[in-house]
Every structure is written in C-alpha cells, then in structure tokens.
Amino acid sequence: MRQLKRITVDPQVMGGKPCIRDLRVTVGTIAGLIGAGRTTEEVLDAYPYLEREDILEALSYAAWRAEEIEVSLAS
C-alpha cells in the first residue's frame, strides 16, 4: 500500500474513524456515496471543501481495508 497523505485517524475526530484530512468526512461516507451510484462530481458538489484526490485516496484506502479484512477472514 502506498503512503496515504490525505487519510487521517484521530481519536478526537469522528471517534477515530479514518477521515479525509482531519475533516469530519469519513472514508466510509465517501465509499458509501460512490457505492450508491453517486459520481465524483456529485460528491464534490455535496462536499465543496473536498478535492478529487481526496475521493480517490478514500476509495483506495477502502479497497485496501476490504482486502485486509478478506485475508484475515480466510485465515
């Protein structure tokens, strides 16, 4: 996994869930919106303080975590 610079984890922000740049927008929120069929442009319209790279990195992180969970369940 490459170094992620936009995903932060802080126990004081959103209960320690992975967030985008210490903002109160979780990786799960972004992955859920995209998974529900929203486009990147729609997400950026809904959260104007986010950048396209934030969304791409959130999806990359979510995919990596899903892979990690699959591996641990298979063990």
N, C-alpha and C. Protein backbone atom coordinates (compact mmCIF):
# COMPACT_ATOMS: atom_id res chain seq x y z
N MET A 1 0.85 -1.18 0.00
CA MET A 1 0.00 0.00 0.00
C MET A 1 0.89 1.23 0.00
N ARG A 2 0.64 2.11 -0.93
CA ARG A 2 1.44 3.34 -0.99
C ARG A 2 1.09 4.25 0.18
N GLN A 3 1.94 5.18 0.44
CA GLN A 3 1.72 6.14 1.53
C GLN A 3 0.49 6.99 1.24
N LEU A 4 -0.44 7.02 2.18
CA LEU A 4 -1.63 7.84 2.03
C LEU A 4 -1.44 9.11 2.84
N LYS A 5 -1.55 10.24 2.19
CA LYS A 5 -1.31 11.52 2.86
C LYS A 5 -2.59 12.25 3.20
N ARG A 6 -3.72 11.82 2.66
CA ARG A 6 -4.97 12.53 2.87
C ARG A 6 -5.89 11.83 3.87
N ILE A 7 -5.56 10.61 4.25
CA ILE A 7 -6.39 9.86 5.19
C ILE A 7 -5.77 10.00 6.58
N THR A 8 -6.58 10.44 7.53
CA THR A 8 -6.10 10.64 8.88
C THR A 8 -6.99 9.88 9.86
N VAL A 9 -6.37 9.48 10.96
CA VAL A 9 -7.10 8.81 12.04
C VAL A 9 -6.75 9.53 13.33
N ASP A 10 -7.76 10.11 13.96
CA ASP A 10 -7.57 10.86 15.19
C ASP A 10 -8.72 10.48 16.12
N PRO A 11 -8.42 9.96 17.30
CA PRO A 11 -9.49 9.56 18.23
C PRO A 11 -10.45 10.70 18.56
N GLN A 12 -10.02 11.94 18.40
CA GLN A 12 -10.85 13.09 18.72
C GLN A 12 -11.75 13.53 17.55
N VAL A 13 -11.55 12.91 16.39
CA VAL A 13 -12.34 13.27 15.21
C VAL A 13 -13.13 12.05 14.76
N MET A 14 -14.44 12.16 14.78
CA MET A 14 -15.36 11.11 14.33
C MET A 14 -15.07 9.76 15.01
N GLY A 15 -14.71 9.81 16.27
CA GLY A 15 -14.49 8.58 17.03
C GLY A 15 -13.31 7.75 16.55
N GLY A 16 -12.38 8.37 15.86
CA GLY A 16 -11.20 7.66 15.40
C GLY A 16 -11.37 6.94 14.07
N LYS A 17 -12.51 7.15 13.41
CA LYS A 17 -12.70 6.55 12.08
C LYS A 17 -11.77 7.24 11.09
N PRO A 18 -11.32 6.52 10.06
CA PRO A 18 -10.49 7.14 9.04
C PRO A 18 -11.27 8.27 8.35
N CYS A 19 -10.65 9.44 8.32
CA CYS A 19 -11.27 10.63 7.74
C CYS A 19 -10.37 11.22 6.66
N ILE A 20 -10.92 12.14 5.95
CA ILE A 20 -10.17 12.85 4.93
C ILE A 20 -9.62 14.14 5.54
N ARG A 21 -8.32 14.24 5.59
CA ARG A 21 -7.59 15.44 6.04
C ARG A 21 -8.12 16.02 7.35
N ASP A 22 -8.39 15.17 8.32
CA ASP A 22 -8.89 15.60 9.64
C ASP A 22 -10.24 16.30 9.58
N LEU A 23 -10.90 16.24 8.44
CA LEU A 23 -12.24 16.80 8.32
C LEU A 23 -13.23 15.77 8.86
N ARG A 24 -14.42 16.18 9.09
CA ARG A 24 -15.44 15.26 9.61
C ARG A 24 -16.18 14.56 8.46
N VAL A 25 -15.39 14.09 7.53
CA VAL A 25 -15.91 13.29 6.41
C VAL A 25 -15.13 11.99 6.43
N THR A 26 -15.83 10.89 6.68
CA THR A 26 -15.14 9.62 6.81
C THR A 26 -14.95 8.94 5.45
N VAL A 27 -13.97 8.06 5.44
CA VAL A 27 -13.75 7.23 4.26
C VAL A 27 -15.02 6.44 3.96
N GLY A 28 -15.67 5.94 5.00
CA GLY A 28 -16.90 5.18 4.81
C GLY A 28 -18.01 5.98 4.15
N THR A 29 -18.10 7.26 4.49
CA THR A 29 -19.10 8.12 3.85
C THR A 29 -18.85 8.22 2.36
N ILE A 30 -17.61 8.46 1.99
CA ILE A 30 -17.26 8.61 0.57
C ILE A 30 -17.46 7.29 -0.16
N ALA A 31 -16.98 6.19 0.41
CA ALA A 31 -17.15 4.88 -0.23
C ALA A 31 -18.63 4.55 -0.38
N GLY A 32 -19.42 4.87 0.63
CA GLY A 32 -20.86 4.62 0.56
C GLY A 32 -21.55 5.41 -0.51
N LEU A 33 -21.19 6.67 -0.64
CA LEU A 33 -21.78 7.51 -1.68
C LEU A 33 -21.45 7.00 -3.08
N ILE A 34 -20.19 6.68 -3.30
CA ILE A 34 -19.77 6.16 -4.61
C ILE A 34 -20.43 4.80 -4.85
N GLY A 35 -20.47 3.97 -3.82
CA GLY A 35 -21.11 2.65 -3.94
C GLY A 35 -22.61 2.75 -4.24
N ALA A 36 -23.23 3.82 -3.79
CA ALA A 36 -24.66 4.04 -4.03
C ALA A 36 -24.93 4.66 -5.40
N GLY A 37 -23.85 4.89 -6.16
CA GLY A 37 -24.04 5.39 -7.52
C GLY A 37 -23.78 6.87 -7.73
N ARG A 38 -23.37 7.57 -6.69
CA ARG A 38 -23.04 8.98 -6.86
C ARG A 38 -21.74 9.10 -7.64
N THR A 39 -21.65 10.12 -8.46
CA THR A 39 -20.42 10.36 -9.21
C THR A 39 -19.46 11.18 -8.35
N THR A 40 -18.23 11.20 -8.77
CA THR A 40 -17.23 12.02 -8.09
C THR A 40 -17.68 13.48 -8.08
N GLU A 41 -18.23 13.93 -9.18
CA GLU A 41 -18.68 15.32 -9.27
C GLU A 41 -19.81 15.60 -8.28
N GLU A 42 -20.72 14.66 -8.12
CA GLU A 42 -21.81 14.83 -7.16
C GLU A 42 -21.29 14.90 -5.72
N VAL A 43 -20.30 14.07 -5.43
CA VAL A 43 -19.70 14.10 -4.09
C VAL A 43 -19.00 15.44 -3.86
N LEU A 44 -18.27 15.90 -4.85
CA LEU A 44 -17.59 17.19 -4.72
C LEU A 44 -18.57 18.34 -4.58
N ASP A 45 -19.72 18.24 -5.23
CA ASP A 45 -20.75 19.27 -5.08
C ASP A 45 -21.32 19.24 -3.67
N ALA A 46 -21.50 18.04 -3.12
CA ALA A 46 -22.07 17.90 -1.77
C ALA A 46 -21.07 18.32 -0.69
N TYR A 47 -19.80 18.14 -0.96
CA TYR A 47 -18.73 18.48 -0.01
C TYR A 47 -17.71 19.37 -0.74
N PRO A 48 -18.01 20.65 -0.92
CA PRO A 48 -17.17 21.52 -1.74
C PRO A 48 -15.75 21.72 -1.21
N TYR A 49 -15.50 21.39 0.03
CA TYR A 49 -14.17 21.53 0.61
C TYR A 49 -13.28 20.32 0.33
N LEU A 50 -13.84 19.30 -0.31
CA LEU A 50 -13.04 18.15 -0.71
C LEU A 50 -12.46 18.37 -2.09
N GLU A 51 -11.42 17.61 -2.37
CA GLU A 51 -10.78 17.65 -3.68
C GLU A 51 -10.88 16.26 -4.31
N ARG A 52 -10.78 16.22 -5.62
CA ARG A 52 -10.86 14.94 -6.34
C ARG A 52 -9.87 13.91 -5.76
N GLU A 53 -8.67 14.35 -5.43
CA GLU A 53 -7.67 13.45 -4.88
C GLU A 53 -8.11 12.87 -3.54
N ASP A 54 -8.88 13.62 -2.76
CA ASP A 54 -9.41 13.11 -1.50
C ASP A 54 -10.30 11.89 -1.75
N ILE A 55 -11.16 12.00 -2.74
CA ILE A 55 -12.08 10.91 -3.05
C ILE A 55 -11.33 9.69 -3.55
N LEU A 56 -10.38 9.91 -4.44
CA LEU A 56 -9.60 8.79 -4.97
C LEU A 56 -8.82 8.09 -3.87
N GLU A 57 -8.24 8.86 -2.97
CA GLU A 57 -7.48 8.24 -1.88
C GLU A 57 -8.40 7.52 -0.90
N ALA A 58 -9.58 8.08 -0.65
CA ALA A 58 -10.55 7.41 0.23
C ALA A 58 -10.95 6.06 -0.36
N LEU A 59 -11.20 6.01 -1.66
CA LEU A 59 -11.56 4.75 -2.30
C LEU A 59 -10.41 3.77 -2.29
N SER A 60 -9.21 4.26 -2.49
CA SER A 60 -8.03 3.40 -2.43
C SER A 60 -7.87 2.80 -1.04
N TYR A 61 -8.04 3.62 -0.01
CA TYR A 61 -7.94 3.15 1.37
C TYR A 61 -9.04 2.12 1.66
N ALA A 62 -10.25 2.40 1.24
CA ALA A 62 -11.37 1.48 1.50
C ALA A 62 -11.13 0.13 0.82
N ALA A 63 -10.62 0.15 -0.40
CA ALA A 63 -10.33 -1.09 -1.10
C ALA A 63 -9.23 -1.87 -0.40
N TRP A 64 -8.21 -1.18 0.07
CA TRP A 64 -7.11 -1.83 0.79
C TRP A 64 -7.63 -2.47 2.07
N ARG A 65 -8.47 -1.74 2.82
CA ARG A 65 -9.02 -2.29 4.07
C ARG A 65 -9.91 -3.50 3.79
N ALA A 66 -10.70 -3.44 2.73
CA ALA A 66 -11.55 -4.57 2.38
C ALA A 66 -10.70 -5.80 2.07
N GLU A 67 -9.62 -5.60 1.38
CA GLU A 67 -8.70 -6.70 1.06
C GLU A 67 -8.08 -7.26 2.34
N GLU A 68 -7.70 -6.40 3.26
CA GLU A 68 -7.13 -6.84 4.53
C GLU A 68 -8.15 -7.68 5.31
N ILE A 69 -9.40 -7.27 5.31
CA ILE A 69 -10.44 -8.00 6.04
C ILE A 69 -10.66 -9.36 5.38
N GLU A 70 -10.70 -9.42 4.05
CA GLU A 70 -10.87 -10.69 3.36
C GLU A 70 -9.75 -11.65 3.70
N VAL A 71 -8.52 -11.17 3.72
CA VAL A 71 -7.38 -12.02 4.02
C VAL A 71 -7.49 -12.55 5.44
N SER A 72 -7.85 -11.70 6.40
CA SER A 72 -7.93 -12.15 7.79
C SER A 72 -9.09 -13.12 8.00
N LEU A 73 -10.18 -12.98 7.26
CA LEU A 73 -11.31 -13.90 7.39
C LEU A 73 -10.98 -15.25 6.79
N ALA A 74 -10.14 -15.26 5.76
CA ALA A 74 -9.78 -16.51 5.10
C ALA A 74 -8.77 -17.32 5.93
N SER A 75 -8.09 -16.68 6.83
CA SER A 75 -7.06 -17.36 7.64
C SER A 75 -7.65 -18.26 8.68
